Amino acid sequence: MARYDMSSADCGALGAVASGALYFQLGVMHAIGRGAPVDRVSAHKWLNLAAREGVADAARMRRELALEMTAEEIADAQRAAREHLRAH
């Protein structure tokens, strides 16, 4: 079975077709290190975008993740989410 490495991909091409469910899956992948290294900033970014699309589980998971993050990490994640929205 193929394993997709999302660690180096910005996933920029997803902007036009991405849904809240896809953003949620990317957030989970980065949060638990499945198919990508554990990266709380990226996880928060994708979960933030999923929550914006109405995925309730994403908002809950983002809140839980934020408890393990520094204020600087959260700010970086929010900035990355805004940049993604501007680009797409």
N, C-alpha and C. Protein backbone atom coordinates (compact mmCIF):
# COMPACT_ATOMS: atom_id res chain seq x y z
N MET A 1 0.84 -1.17 0.00
CA MET A 1 0.00 0.00 0.00
C MET A 1 0.89 1.24 0.00
N ALA A 2 0.50 2.25 -0.73
CA ALA A 2 1.28 3.48 -0.82
C ALA A 2 1.15 4.28 0.46
N ARG A 3 2.23 4.93 0.81
CA ARG A 3 2.22 5.80 1.97
C ARG A 3 2.53 7.21 1.47
N TYR A 4 1.67 8.14 1.81
CA TYR A 4 1.83 9.50 1.33
C TYR A 4 2.60 10.31 2.36
N ASP A 5 3.68 10.92 1.93
CA ASP A 5 4.48 11.74 2.82
C ASP A 5 4.04 13.18 2.67
N MET A 6 3.39 13.69 3.70
CA MET A 6 2.89 15.06 3.68
C MET A 6 3.85 16.01 4.38
N SER A 7 5.00 15.52 4.81
CA SER A 7 5.89 16.32 5.63
C SER A 7 6.46 17.51 4.88
N SER A 8 6.83 17.34 3.63
CA SER A 8 7.47 18.44 2.91
C SER A 8 6.49 19.21 2.04
N ALA A 9 5.32 18.67 1.86
CA ALA A 9 4.34 19.32 0.98
C ALA A 9 3.62 20.42 1.73
N ASP A 10 3.48 21.54 1.10
CA ASP A 10 2.70 22.63 1.66
C ASP A 10 1.23 22.36 1.42
N CYS A 11 0.92 21.48 0.52
CA CYS A 11 -0.45 21.14 0.15
C CYS A 11 -1.14 22.33 -0.50
N GLY A 12 -0.37 23.21 -1.11
CA GLY A 12 -0.94 24.38 -1.73
C GLY A 12 -1.92 24.09 -2.83
N ALA A 13 -1.74 23.00 -3.55
CA ALA A 13 -2.64 22.66 -4.63
C ALA A 13 -4.01 22.24 -4.13
N LEU A 14 -4.13 22.00 -2.84
CA LEU A 14 -5.41 21.55 -2.29
C LEU A 14 -6.42 22.69 -2.17
N GLY A 15 -5.96 23.91 -2.18
CA GLY A 15 -6.83 25.04 -1.90
C GLY A 15 -8.11 25.08 -2.70
N ALA A 16 -8.04 24.79 -3.97
CA ALA A 16 -9.21 24.92 -4.82
C ALA A 16 -10.21 23.79 -4.61
N VAL A 17 -9.77 22.66 -4.11
CA VAL A 17 -10.66 21.50 -4.00
C VAL A 17 -10.84 21.01 -2.57
N ALA A 18 -10.13 21.60 -1.64
CA ALA A 18 -10.15 21.09 -0.27
C ALA A 18 -11.49 21.33 0.40
N SER A 19 -11.82 20.41 1.28
CA SER A 19 -13.03 20.52 2.08
C SER A 19 -12.63 20.49 3.54
N GLY A 20 -13.58 20.79 4.39
CA GLY A 20 -13.33 20.72 5.82
C GLY A 20 -12.86 19.34 6.24
N ALA A 21 -13.43 18.30 5.64
CA ALA A 21 -13.04 16.93 5.99
C ALA A 21 -11.59 16.65 5.61
N LEU A 22 -11.16 17.16 4.47
CA LEU A 22 -9.76 16.96 4.06
C LEU A 22 -8.83 17.73 4.98
N TYR A 23 -9.16 18.97 5.29
CA TYR A 23 -8.35 19.74 6.23
C TYR A 23 -8.26 19.01 7.57
N PHE A 24 -9.37 18.44 8.03
CA PHE A 24 -9.38 17.71 9.29
C PHE A 24 -8.42 16.52 9.23
N GLN A 25 -8.47 15.77 8.14
CA GLN A 25 -7.57 14.62 8.01
C GLN A 25 -6.11 15.06 8.02
N LEU A 26 -5.80 16.15 7.36
CA LEU A 26 -4.43 16.66 7.37
C LEU A 26 -4.02 17.06 8.79
N GLY A 27 -4.94 17.69 9.51
CA GLY A 27 -4.65 18.06 10.90
C GLY A 27 -4.37 16.86 11.77
N VAL A 28 -5.17 15.82 11.61
CA VAL A 28 -4.97 14.59 12.39
C VAL A 28 -3.63 13.95 12.03
N MET A 29 -3.34 13.90 10.73
CA MET A 29 -2.07 13.31 10.29
C MET A 29 -0.88 13.99 10.96
N HIS A 30 -0.89 15.31 11.00
CA HIS A 30 0.22 16.04 11.61
C HIS A 30 0.19 15.95 13.13
N ALA A 31 -0.99 15.83 13.71
CA ALA A 31 -1.09 15.75 15.17
C ALA A 31 -0.55 14.43 15.71
N ILE A 32 -0.79 13.34 14.98
CA ILE A 32 -0.38 12.02 15.48
C ILE A 32 0.81 11.42 14.74
N GLY A 33 1.26 12.09 13.69
CA GLY A 33 2.41 11.59 12.95
C GLY A 33 2.10 10.44 12.02
N ARG A 34 0.93 10.45 11.45
CA ARG A 34 0.55 9.40 10.49
C ARG A 34 0.74 9.93 9.08
N GLY A 35 1.76 9.42 8.38
CA GLY A 35 2.05 9.88 7.03
C GLY A 35 2.80 11.19 6.99
N ALA A 36 3.08 11.74 8.15
CA ALA A 36 3.81 12.99 8.27
C ALA A 36 4.42 13.02 9.67
N PRO A 37 5.51 13.73 9.83
CA PRO A 37 6.06 13.84 11.19
C PRO A 37 5.09 14.61 12.09
N VAL A 38 5.14 14.34 13.37
CA VAL A 38 4.32 15.11 14.31
C VAL A 38 4.75 16.57 14.19
N ASP A 39 3.79 17.43 13.95
CA ASP A 39 4.05 18.86 13.80
C ASP A 39 2.82 19.59 14.32
N ARG A 40 2.89 20.06 15.56
CA ARG A 40 1.73 20.69 16.18
C ARG A 40 1.31 21.97 15.47
N VAL A 41 2.26 22.72 14.95
CA VAL A 41 1.91 23.97 14.26
C VAL A 41 1.11 23.65 13.00
N SER A 42 1.58 22.71 12.20
CA SER A 42 0.83 22.32 11.00
C SER A 42 -0.51 21.70 11.36
N ALA A 43 -0.53 20.88 12.40
CA ALA A 43 -1.78 20.26 12.83
C ALA A 43 -2.79 21.34 13.20
N HIS A 44 -2.37 22.32 13.98
CA HIS A 44 -3.26 23.40 14.41
C HIS A 44 -3.75 24.18 13.19
N LYS A 45 -2.86 24.44 12.26
CA LYS A 45 -3.24 25.16 11.03
C LYS A 45 -4.37 24.44 10.31
N TRP A 46 -4.17 23.13 10.02
CA TRP A 46 -5.18 22.38 9.27
C TRP A 46 -6.46 22.22 10.07
N LEU A 47 -6.35 22.02 11.38
CA LEU A 47 -7.56 21.91 12.20
C LEU A 47 -8.30 23.24 12.25
N ASN A 48 -7.57 24.33 12.27
CA ASN A 48 -8.19 25.65 12.24
C ASN A 48 -8.99 25.84 10.95
N LEU A 49 -8.40 25.45 9.83
CA LEU A 49 -9.09 25.56 8.55
C LEU A 49 -10.31 24.65 8.50
N ALA A 50 -10.19 23.45 9.06
CA ALA A 50 -11.33 22.52 9.10
C ALA A 50 -12.45 23.08 9.97
N ALA A 51 -12.09 23.65 11.11
CA ALA A 51 -13.10 24.23 12.00
C ALA A 51 -13.81 25.39 11.30
N ARG A 52 -13.06 26.16 10.54
CA ARG A 52 -13.65 27.26 9.77
C ARG A 52 -14.69 26.76 8.77
N GLU A 53 -14.49 25.52 8.30
CA GLU A 53 -15.43 24.90 7.36
C GLU A 53 -16.57 24.18 8.09
N GLY A 54 -16.62 24.28 9.40
CA GLY A 54 -17.74 23.73 10.16
C GLY A 54 -17.53 22.34 10.73
N VAL A 55 -16.31 21.83 10.74
CA VAL A 55 -16.05 20.50 11.29
C VAL A 55 -15.89 20.64 12.80
N ALA A 56 -16.92 20.22 13.54
CA ALA A 56 -16.94 20.40 15.00
C ALA A 56 -15.80 19.65 15.68
N ASP A 57 -15.50 18.44 15.23
CA ASP A 57 -14.41 17.68 15.83
C ASP A 57 -13.07 18.39 15.67
N ALA A 58 -12.92 19.15 14.60
CA ALA A 58 -11.68 19.88 14.38
C ALA A 58 -11.51 20.98 15.42
N ALA A 59 -12.59 21.67 15.72
CA ALA A 59 -12.52 22.73 16.72
C ALA A 59 -12.15 22.15 18.09
N ARG A 60 -12.74 21.01 18.43
CA ARG A 60 -12.45 20.36 19.71
C ARG A 60 -10.98 19.91 19.76
N MET A 61 -10.54 19.26 18.70
CA MET A 61 -9.16 18.76 18.67
C MET A 61 -8.16 19.91 18.68
N ARG A 62 -8.48 20.99 18.00
CA ARG A 62 -7.60 22.17 17.98
C ARG A 62 -7.46 22.76 19.38
N ARG A 63 -8.57 22.83 20.12
CA ARG A 63 -8.51 23.33 21.50
C ARG A 63 -7.62 22.45 22.36
N GLU A 64 -7.76 21.13 22.23
CA GLU A 64 -6.95 20.20 23.01
C GLU A 64 -5.47 20.32 22.63
N LEU A 65 -5.20 20.44 21.35
CA LEU A 65 -3.83 20.57 20.87
C LEU A 65 -3.20 21.86 21.39
N ALA A 66 -3.96 22.92 21.41
CA ALA A 66 -3.45 24.22 21.85
C ALA A 66 -2.97 24.19 23.30
N LEU A 67 -3.52 23.29 24.10
CA LEU A 67 -3.09 23.16 25.49
C LEU A 67 -1.64 22.68 25.59
N GLU A 68 -1.14 22.05 24.54
CA GLU A 68 0.23 21.52 24.51
C GLU A 68 1.19 22.44 23.76
N MET A 69 0.70 23.59 23.31
CA MET A 69 1.50 24.48 22.46
C MET A 69 1.84 25.76 23.19
N THR A 70 2.94 26.38 22.77
CA THR A 70 3.29 27.70 23.29
C THR A 70 2.46 28.75 22.55
N ALA A 71 2.43 29.94 23.12
CA ALA A 71 1.72 31.04 22.47
C ALA A 71 2.35 31.34 21.11
N GLU A 72 3.66 31.21 21.02
CA GLU A 72 4.35 31.46 19.75
C GLU A 72 3.96 30.42 18.69
N GLU A 73 3.86 29.16 19.09
CA GLU A 73 3.45 28.11 18.15
C GLU A 73 2.03 28.36 17.65
N ILE A 74 1.15 28.75 18.55
CA ILE A 74 -0.24 29.02 18.15
C ILE A 74 -0.28 30.19 17.18
N ALA A 75 0.48 31.24 17.48
CA ALA A 75 0.53 32.40 16.58
C ALA A 75 1.06 32.00 15.20
N ASP A 76 2.09 31.15 15.17
CA ASP A 76 2.63 30.67 13.90
C ASP A 76 1.58 29.89 13.12
N ALA A 77 0.83 29.04 13.81
CA ALA A 77 -0.21 28.24 13.16
C ALA A 77 -1.32 29.13 12.61
N GLN A 78 -1.72 30.12 13.38
CA GLN A 78 -2.77 31.03 12.92
C GLN A 78 -2.30 31.84 11.72
N ARG A 79 -1.06 32.25 11.75
CA ARG A 79 -0.49 32.99 10.62
C ARG A 79 -0.46 32.10 9.37
N ALA A 80 -0.06 30.85 9.54
CA ALA A 80 -0.02 29.91 8.41
C ALA A 80 -1.41 29.68 7.84
N ALA A 81 -2.41 29.59 8.71
CA ALA A 81 -3.79 29.40 8.24
C ALA A 81 -4.25 30.62 7.44
N ARG A 82 -3.95 31.82 7.94
CA ARG A 82 -4.32 33.04 7.21
C ARG A 82 -3.63 33.10 5.86
N GLU A 83 -2.35 32.74 5.83
CA GLU A 83 -1.62 32.74 4.56
C GLU A 83 -2.23 31.74 3.57
N HIS A 84 -2.64 30.59 4.07
CA HIS A 84 -3.28 29.60 3.21
C HIS A 84 -4.57 30.16 2.63
N LEU A 85 -5.36 30.83 3.46
CA LEU A 85 -6.62 31.40 2.99
C LEU A 85 -6.38 32.50 1.95
N ARG A 86 -5.38 33.33 2.19
CA ARG A 86 -5.07 34.39 1.22
C ARG A 86 -4.64 33.81 -0.11
N ALA A 87 -3.88 32.72 -0.07
CA ALA A 87 -3.37 32.11 -1.30
C ALA A 87 -4.44 31.35 -2.06
N HIS A 88 -5.51 30.97 -1.38
CA HIS A 88 -6.53 30.15 -2.02
C HIS A 88 -7.88 30.80 -1.88
